[in-house]
Structure formats: C-alpha cells, structure tokens
Amino acid sequence: MVFGGGQSMEEALRSGEVMQRRLEQLQEGLAAITAEGRDSSGLIQVTVGAGGVLTDVYVNPRAMRLGSEDLADGFKQAHAAASLALAERIAEVRRETFGGEDPLADLEGKQAGEIFADLRRSADRGIDDALAQVEKLHRDLGR
C-alpha cells in the first residue's frame, strides 16, 4: 500500500521513527542548553536555561556602587545578551539535529512546550493513521 508522497507503509513508519528519535534528541539537547550574558560594564553576568529561565546571577561587588536604575539596566542588558546567545545555541542544536531539513522552522515564536505538544499530537495522529491502515488490511484480508 502506498501513502502520501509515494511512501509505502513501511517507509512511512520508518520515517516516523527516525523523526521521533530526532525530536527526542532535540528535546534532550534543548533541556541541557544554557547561555551566559554580561552587561556592557562586565559587572553583571546572568545565565539562562531552557525557555530563557534565569538559572544563575553573578554581580561583581563593584556593581553595588551603581544607582538602582543603572543596576537594573545592567541586569536587562545581561539578560538580553544571554537570551540572544541562547537563541543562537538553540539554532545550532536544531541544525545539528535536523541538518537542512528542520521541521520546526515554521514554528518560530512558539514556546518549546507548545512546539513539542504540537509535534507529539502530529506524531500520534500519524501513528494512529498507520495503525488504522494495518487494522483495515487485516480486516480486508480476513485475519
């Protein structure tokens, strides 16, 4: 039996399994990513993890001489730099995982949880469709 795109059921299942492994690899890689950023003075450094969550902060004691507005600006600069570095690292992990065939390219702007939920639903639908086809074949063949 041939499915969409001229794939046999075996090829479609194999492609689905490969994609599932790649998505699991991506999820593991993204969970482990961190990135650091500093403010322009170098006195404030932050580390962000998956989803841009702040995981570490370093404040040089000299920064305590700054006014509250300058200190706040320093944190904003450091966080912006860390977020940019995180986005670059995520893009790198996606390239490593998918090469030139990144199925997530059209999902830009979504949170990681949303992306994986969408992908999981899509994979589940594909598996359900394949299993339905197998059941139909069994019925048609009288087994």
N, C-alpha and C. Protein backbone atom coordinates (compact mmCIF):
# COMPACT_ATOMS: atom_id res chain seq x y z
N MET A 1 0.84 -1.18 0.00
CA MET A 1 0.00 0.00 0.00
C MET A 1 0.88 1.24 0.00
N VAL A 2 0.46 2.25 -0.73
CA VAL A 2 1.24 3.48 -0.85
C VAL A 2 0.50 4.62 -0.16
N PHE A 3 1.26 5.40 0.64
CA PHE A 3 0.71 6.54 1.36
C PHE A 3 1.09 7.81 0.62
N GLY A 4 0.71 8.96 1.21
CA GLY A 4 1.02 10.26 0.63
C GLY A 4 2.49 10.40 0.32
N GLY A 5 2.81 11.03 -0.81
CA GLY A 5 4.20 11.25 -1.21
C GLY A 5 4.83 10.00 -1.81
N GLY A 6 4.03 8.97 -2.08
CA GLY A 6 4.56 7.76 -2.70
C GLY A 6 5.27 6.84 -1.73
N GLN A 7 5.10 7.03 -0.43
CA GLN A 7 5.77 6.19 0.55
C GLN A 7 4.94 4.94 0.83
N SER A 8 5.63 3.81 1.00
CA SER A 8 4.96 2.62 1.46
C SER A 8 4.71 2.77 2.95
N MET A 9 3.89 1.91 3.51
CA MET A 9 3.60 1.98 4.94
C MET A 9 4.88 1.77 5.74
N GLU A 10 5.73 0.84 5.29
CA GLU A 10 6.99 0.59 5.99
C GLU A 10 7.89 1.82 5.97
N GLU A 11 7.97 2.48 4.83
CA GLU A 11 8.78 3.69 4.72
C GLU A 11 8.22 4.80 5.60
N ALA A 12 6.90 4.94 5.61
CA ALA A 12 6.25 5.98 6.42
C ALA A 12 6.51 5.72 7.91
N LEU A 13 6.39 4.46 8.34
CA LEU A 13 6.67 4.13 9.73
C LEU A 13 8.13 4.35 10.08
N ARG A 14 9.02 3.98 9.17
CA ARG A 14 10.45 4.18 9.39
C ARG A 14 10.77 5.67 9.48
N SER A 15 10.18 6.46 8.59
CA SER A 15 10.38 7.92 8.63
C SER A 15 9.86 8.50 9.94
N GLY A 16 8.71 8.00 10.39
CA GLY A 16 8.15 8.45 11.65
C GLY A 16 9.04 8.10 12.83
N GLU A 17 9.62 6.92 12.80
CA GLU A 17 10.52 6.51 13.88
C GLU A 17 11.78 7.36 13.89
N VAL A 18 12.32 7.64 12.71
CA VAL A 18 13.51 8.49 12.62
C VAL A 18 13.19 9.88 13.15
N MET A 19 12.04 10.44 12.76
CA MET A 19 11.66 11.77 13.22
C MET A 19 11.47 11.76 14.73
N GLN A 20 10.84 10.72 15.26
CA GLN A 20 10.64 10.62 16.71
C GLN A 20 11.97 10.62 17.44
N ARG A 21 12.95 9.86 16.95
CA ARG A 21 14.28 9.82 17.57
C ARG A 21 14.94 11.21 17.50
N ARG A 22 14.82 11.87 16.37
CA ARG A 22 15.41 13.21 16.23
C ARG A 22 14.75 14.20 17.18
N LEU A 23 13.44 14.12 17.31
CA LEU A 23 12.74 15.03 18.22
C LEU A 23 13.13 14.76 19.67
N GLU A 24 13.29 13.50 20.03
CA GLU A 24 13.74 13.18 21.39
C GLU A 24 15.16 13.70 21.61
N GLN A 25 16.02 13.54 20.60
CA GLN A 25 17.39 14.06 20.69
C GLN A 25 17.37 15.58 20.84
N LEU A 26 16.51 16.24 20.07
CA LEU A 26 16.39 17.69 20.16
C LEU A 26 15.90 18.11 21.55
N GLN A 27 14.89 17.43 22.06
CA GLN A 27 14.35 17.77 23.36
C GLN A 27 15.42 17.63 24.44
N GLU A 28 16.21 16.55 24.39
CA GLU A 28 17.28 16.37 25.35
C GLU A 28 18.33 17.48 25.21
N GLY A 29 18.67 17.79 23.98
CA GLY A 29 19.66 18.84 23.74
C GLY A 29 19.19 20.20 24.23
N LEU A 30 17.92 20.51 23.99
CA LEU A 30 17.39 21.80 24.41
C LEU A 30 17.29 21.90 25.92
N ALA A 31 16.98 20.80 26.57
CA ALA A 31 16.86 20.81 28.03
C ALA A 31 18.20 21.11 28.70
N ALA A 32 19.30 20.75 28.03
CA ALA A 32 20.63 20.91 28.62
C ALA A 32 21.29 22.25 28.28
N ILE A 33 20.67 23.03 27.43
CA ILE A 33 21.29 24.27 26.96
C ILE A 33 21.26 25.35 28.03
N THR A 34 22.37 26.04 28.15
CA THR A 34 22.44 27.27 28.94
C THR A 34 23.23 28.28 28.14
N ALA A 35 23.05 29.54 28.47
CA ALA A 35 23.82 30.60 27.81
C ALA A 35 24.04 31.72 28.82
N GLU A 36 25.17 32.38 28.66
CA GLU A 36 25.53 33.47 29.56
C GLU A 36 25.50 34.80 28.81
N GLY A 37 25.26 35.85 29.57
CA GLY A 37 25.31 37.19 29.01
C GLY A 37 25.81 38.16 30.07
N ARG A 38 26.49 39.20 29.61
CA ARG A 38 27.01 40.23 30.51
C ARG A 38 26.47 41.59 30.10
N ASP A 39 26.47 42.50 31.06
CA ASP A 39 26.12 43.87 30.73
C ASP A 39 27.34 44.55 30.12
N SER A 40 27.16 45.77 29.64
CA SER A 40 28.25 46.46 28.95
C SER A 40 29.44 46.76 29.87
N SER A 41 29.21 46.87 31.17
CA SER A 41 30.31 47.15 32.09
C SER A 41 31.06 45.88 32.49
N GLY A 42 30.44 44.72 32.24
CA GLY A 42 31.05 43.45 32.64
C GLY A 42 30.87 43.15 34.12
N LEU A 43 30.11 43.96 34.82
CA LEU A 43 29.92 43.77 36.26
C LEU A 43 28.79 42.81 36.60
N ILE A 44 27.89 42.61 35.66
CA ILE A 44 26.73 41.75 35.91
C ILE A 44 26.70 40.66 34.85
N GLN A 45 26.57 39.43 35.32
CA GLN A 45 26.51 38.28 34.41
C GLN A 45 25.34 37.40 34.83
N VAL A 46 24.57 36.97 33.85
CA VAL A 46 23.47 36.05 34.13
C VAL A 46 23.59 34.83 33.22
N THR A 47 23.01 33.74 33.69
CA THR A 47 22.92 32.52 32.90
C THR A 47 21.45 32.18 32.75
N VAL A 48 21.06 31.84 31.54
CA VAL A 48 19.68 31.41 31.28
C VAL A 48 19.71 29.98 30.76
N GLY A 49 18.63 29.27 31.06
CA GLY A 49 18.48 27.90 30.58
C GLY A 49 17.30 27.81 29.64
N ALA A 50 16.82 26.59 29.48
CA ALA A 50 15.71 26.33 28.57
C ALA A 50 14.55 27.28 28.83
N GLY A 51 14.03 27.84 27.77
CA GLY A 51 12.90 28.75 27.87
C GLY A 51 13.28 30.14 28.36
N GLY A 52 14.58 30.41 28.48
CA GLY A 52 15.03 31.72 28.94
C GLY A 52 14.96 31.90 30.44
N VAL A 53 14.79 30.80 31.17
CA VAL A 53 14.69 30.86 32.63
C VAL A 53 16.05 31.24 33.21
N LEU A 54 16.04 32.21 34.09
CA LEU A 54 17.25 32.66 34.76
C LEU A 54 17.72 31.56 35.71
N THR A 55 18.96 31.07 35.52
CA THR A 55 19.47 29.98 36.36
C THR A 55 20.62 30.39 37.26
N ASP A 56 21.30 31.50 36.92
CA ASP A 56 22.41 31.94 37.76
C ASP A 56 22.63 33.43 37.54
N VAL A 57 23.11 34.08 38.59
CA VAL A 57 23.40 35.51 38.53
C VAL A 57 24.72 35.75 39.24
N TYR A 58 25.57 36.55 38.62
CA TYR A 58 26.81 36.99 39.28
C TYR A 58 26.82 38.51 39.23
N VAL A 59 27.04 39.11 40.39
CA VAL A 59 27.15 40.56 40.47
C VAL A 59 28.51 40.87 41.10
N ASN A 60 29.34 41.54 40.34
CA ASN A 60 30.63 41.98 40.87
C ASN A 60 30.36 42.97 42.00
N PRO A 61 31.07 42.85 43.11
CA PRO A 61 30.83 43.78 44.23
C PRO A 61 30.90 45.25 43.83
N ARG A 62 31.69 45.59 42.81
CA ARG A 62 31.76 46.99 42.36
C ARG A 62 30.43 47.48 41.80
N ALA A 63 29.59 46.56 41.33
CA ALA A 63 28.28 46.95 40.79
C ALA A 63 27.37 47.51 41.87
N MET A 64 27.66 47.18 43.11
CA MET A 64 26.81 47.66 44.20
C MET A 64 26.94 49.17 44.41
N ARG A 65 27.93 49.76 43.78
CA ARG A 65 28.09 51.22 43.86
C ARG A 65 27.19 51.94 42.85
N LEU A 66 26.63 51.18 41.93
CA LEU A 66 25.77 51.78 40.90
C LEU A 66 24.43 52.19 41.52
N GLY A 67 23.81 53.16 40.89
CA GLY A 67 22.46 53.53 41.29
C GLY A 67 21.49 52.43 40.89
N SER A 68 20.30 52.44 41.45
CA SER A 68 19.33 51.37 41.20
C SER A 68 18.95 51.28 39.72
N GLU A 69 18.81 52.43 39.05
CA GLU A 69 18.45 52.41 37.63
C GLU A 69 19.57 51.80 36.79
N ASP A 70 20.81 52.16 37.09
CA ASP A 70 21.95 51.60 36.35
C ASP A 70 22.08 50.10 36.62
N LEU A 71 21.85 49.70 37.85
CA LEU A 71 21.90 48.28 38.20
C LEU A 71 20.81 47.51 37.45
N ALA A 72 19.61 48.07 37.43
CA ALA A 72 18.51 47.44 36.70
C ALA A 72 18.82 47.35 35.21
N ASP A 73 19.37 48.42 34.64
CA ASP A 73 19.75 48.40 33.22
C ASP A 73 20.81 47.33 32.96
N GLY A 74 21.74 47.18 33.89
CA GLY A 74 22.77 46.16 33.75
C GLY A 74 22.18 44.76 33.70
N PHE A 75 21.21 44.50 34.55
CA PHE A 75 20.55 43.19 34.53
C PHE A 75 19.79 42.98 33.22
N LYS A 76 19.13 44.03 32.75
CA LYS A 76 18.41 43.92 31.48
C LYS A 76 19.37 43.64 30.33
N GLN A 77 20.50 44.34 30.30
CA GLN A 77 21.49 44.11 29.25
C GLN A 77 22.03 42.68 29.31
N ALA A 78 22.36 42.24 30.51
CA ALA A 78 22.92 40.90 30.68
C ALA A 78 21.91 39.84 30.25
N HIS A 79 20.65 40.05 30.63
CA HIS A 79 19.62 39.08 30.27
C HIS A 79 19.38 39.08 28.75
N ALA A 80 19.38 40.25 28.14
CA ALA A 80 19.19 40.33 26.68
C ALA A 80 20.34 39.61 25.97
N ALA A 81 21.57 39.81 26.44
CA ALA A 81 22.73 39.16 25.82
C ALA A 81 22.65 37.64 25.99
N ALA A 82 22.23 37.20 27.18
CA ALA A 82 22.11 35.76 27.43
C ALA A 82 21.00 35.16 26.57
N SER A 83 19.89 35.88 26.43
CA SER A 83 18.77 35.39 25.61
C SER A 83 19.18 35.25 24.15
N LEU A 84 19.94 36.22 23.66
CA LEU A 84 20.44 36.15 22.28
C LEU A 84 21.37 34.96 22.11
N ALA A 85 22.27 34.77 23.06
CA ALA A 85 23.19 33.62 23.00
C ALA A 85 22.42 32.31 23.07
N LEU A 86 21.35 32.27 23.86
CA LEU A 86 20.52 31.06 23.97
C LEU A 86 19.84 30.77 22.63
N ALA A 87 19.30 31.79 21.99
CA ALA A 87 18.66 31.60 20.69
C ALA A 87 19.65 31.07 19.66
N GLU A 88 20.87 31.58 19.69
CA GLU A 88 21.90 31.09 18.76
C GLU A 88 22.24 29.63 19.06
N ARG A 89 22.31 29.28 20.33
CA ARG A 89 22.63 27.90 20.71
C ARG A 89 21.50 26.96 20.33
N ILE A 90 20.25 27.41 20.48
CA ILE A 90 19.10 26.59 20.08
C ILE A 90 19.15 26.34 18.58
N ALA A 91 19.45 27.37 17.80
CA ALA A 91 19.54 27.21 16.35
C ALA A 91 20.65 26.22 15.99
N GLU A 92 21.75 26.27 16.72
CA GLU A 92 22.86 25.35 16.48
C GLU A 92 22.44 23.90 16.77
N VAL A 93 21.74 23.68 17.86
CA VAL A 93 21.29 22.34 18.21
C VAL A 93 20.28 21.83 17.18
N ARG A 94 19.42 22.71 16.71
CA ARG A 94 18.46 22.31 15.67
C ARG A 94 19.18 21.92 14.40
N ARG A 95 20.21 22.70 14.02
CA ARG A 95 20.98 22.34 12.81
C ARG A 95 21.68 21.00 12.99
N GLU A 96 22.25 20.78 14.16
CA GLU A 96 22.93 19.51 14.45
C GLU A 96 21.95 18.34 14.39
N THR A 97 20.74 18.57 14.86
CA THR A 97 19.74 17.51 14.93
C THR A 97 19.11 17.22 13.57
N PHE A 98 18.73 18.26 12.84
CA PHE A 98 17.95 18.08 11.62
C PHE A 98 18.72 18.38 10.35
N GLY A 99 19.90 18.95 10.44
CA GLY A 99 20.61 19.35 9.23
C GLY A 99 19.81 20.42 8.51
N GLY A 100 19.69 20.31 7.22
CA GLY A 100 18.97 21.29 6.42
C GLY A 100 17.48 21.07 6.39
N GLU A 101 16.99 20.01 7.03
CA GLU A 101 15.57 19.67 6.98
C GLU A 101 14.93 19.90 8.34
N ASP A 102 14.87 21.14 8.78
CA ASP A 102 14.34 21.46 10.11
C ASP A 102 12.82 21.57 10.05
N PRO A 103 12.10 20.59 10.58
CA PRO A 103 10.64 20.66 10.54
C PRO A 103 10.06 21.70 11.50
N LEU A 104 10.91 22.28 12.32
CA LEU A 104 10.45 23.26 13.29
C LEU A 104 10.56 24.69 12.78
N ALA A 105 11.08 24.86 11.58
CA ALA A 105 11.33 26.20 11.06
C ALA A 105 10.06 27.05 11.02
N ASP A 106 8.93 26.43 10.75
CA ASP A 106 7.68 27.20 10.67
C ASP A 106 7.03 27.42 12.03
N LEU A 107 7.69 26.97 13.10
CA LEU A 107 7.13 27.12 14.43
C LEU A 107 7.81 28.22 15.23
N GLU A 108 8.57 29.09 14.56
CA GLU A 108 9.28 30.16 15.24
C GLU A 108 8.31 30.97 16.09
N GLY A 109 8.77 31.38 17.25
CA GLY A 109 7.97 32.22 18.13
C GLY A 109 7.14 31.45 19.14
N LYS A 110 7.00 30.15 18.97
CA LYS A 110 6.27 29.36 19.94
C LYS A 110 7.21 28.95 21.07
N GLN A 111 6.66 28.73 22.22
CA GLN A 111 7.43 28.23 23.35
C GLN A 111 7.74 26.75 23.10
N ALA A 112 8.84 26.28 23.66
CA ALA A 112 9.27 24.90 23.46
C ALA A 112 8.17 23.90 23.82
N GLY A 113 7.47 24.13 24.92
CA GLY A 113 6.40 23.22 25.33
C GLY A 113 5.31 23.12 24.29
N GLU A 114 4.95 24.25 23.69
CA GLU A 114 3.93 24.26 22.64
C GLU A 114 4.40 23.48 21.43
N ILE A 115 5.66 23.68 21.06
CA ILE A 115 6.22 23.00 19.89
C ILE A 115 6.17 21.50 20.09
N PHE A 116 6.65 21.04 21.25
CA PHE A 116 6.69 19.59 21.47
C PHE A 116 5.29 19.01 21.60
N ALA A 117 4.35 19.76 22.16
CA ALA A 117 2.97 19.28 22.23
C ALA A 117 2.40 19.14 20.82
N ASP A 118 2.64 20.13 19.96
CA ASP A 118 2.18 20.06 18.57
C ASP A 118 2.80 18.86 17.85
N LEU A 119 4.11 18.69 18.05
CA LEU A 119 4.80 17.58 17.38
C LEU A 119 4.32 16.24 17.90
N ARG A 120 4.10 16.14 19.19
CA ARG A 120 3.60 14.90 19.79
C ARG A 120 2.23 14.56 19.22
N ARG A 121 1.33 15.56 19.16
CA ARG A 121 0.00 15.32 18.59
C ARG A 121 0.10 14.88 17.14
N SER A 122 0.97 15.53 16.39
CA SER A 122 1.15 15.18 14.98
C SER A 122 1.68 13.75 14.83
N ALA A 123 2.67 13.41 15.64
CA ALA A 123 3.23 12.05 15.59
C ALA A 123 2.18 11.03 16.00
N ASP A 124 1.41 11.35 17.04
CA ASP A 124 0.35 10.43 17.49
C ASP A 124 -0.68 10.20 16.40
N ARG A 125 -1.06 11.29 15.70
CA ARG A 125 -2.02 11.15 14.60
C ARG A 125 -1.45 10.27 13.50
N GLY A 126 -0.18 10.46 13.17
CA GLY A 126 0.45 9.63 12.14
C GLY A 126 0.49 8.17 12.52
N ILE A 127 0.81 7.89 13.77
CA ILE A 127 0.84 6.51 14.25
C ILE A 127 -0.56 5.93 14.25
N ASP A 128 -1.53 6.71 14.73
CA ASP A 128 -2.92 6.24 14.74
C ASP A 128 -3.39 5.93 13.32
N ASP A 129 -3.06 6.79 12.37
CA ASP A 129 -3.45 6.55 10.97
C ASP A 129 -2.81 5.28 10.44
N ALA A 130 -1.53 5.08 10.75
CA ALA A 130 -0.83 3.87 10.28
C ALA A 130 -1.45 2.62 10.89
N LEU A 131 -1.75 2.68 12.19
CA LEU A 131 -2.37 1.52 12.85
C LEU A 131 -3.77 1.25 12.29
N ALA A 132 -4.51 2.30 11.98
CA ALA A 132 -5.84 2.13 11.38
C ALA A 132 -5.71 1.44 10.03
N GLN A 133 -4.69 1.82 9.26
CA GLN A 133 -4.48 1.18 7.96
C GLN A 133 -4.13 -0.31 8.12
N VAL A 134 -3.31 -0.61 9.12
CA VAL A 134 -2.95 -2.01 9.38
C VAL A 134 -4.19 -2.80 9.77
N GLU A 135 -5.03 -2.25 10.65
CA GLU A 135 -6.25 -2.93 11.05
C GLU A 135 -7.18 -3.14 9.87
N LYS A 136 -7.28 -2.14 9.01
CA LYS A 136 -8.12 -2.26 7.82
C LYS A 136 -7.59 -3.36 6.91
N LEU A 137 -6.29 -3.44 6.73
CA LEU A 137 -5.69 -4.50 5.92
C LEU A 137 -6.01 -5.88 6.52
N HIS A 138 -5.88 -5.99 7.82
CA HIS A 138 -6.20 -7.26 8.48
C HIS A 138 -7.65 -7.64 8.25
N ARG A 139 -8.56 -6.68 8.37
CA ARG A 139 -9.98 -6.95 8.14
C ARG A 139 -10.20 -7.34 6.68
N ASP A 140 -9.61 -6.59 5.77
CA ASP A 140 -9.80 -6.86 4.33
C ASP A 140 -9.24 -8.22 3.95
N LEU A 141 -8.18 -8.63 4.63
CA LEU A 141 -7.59 -9.94 4.33
C LEU A 141 -8.24 -11.05 5.13
N GLY A 142 -9.18 -10.71 6.02
CA GLY A 142 -9.90 -11.72 6.78
C GLY A 142 -9.09 -12.33 7.89
N ARG A 143 -8.17 -11.61 8.43
CA ARG A 143 -7.33 -12.17 9.52
C ARG A 143 -7.77 -11.67 10.84
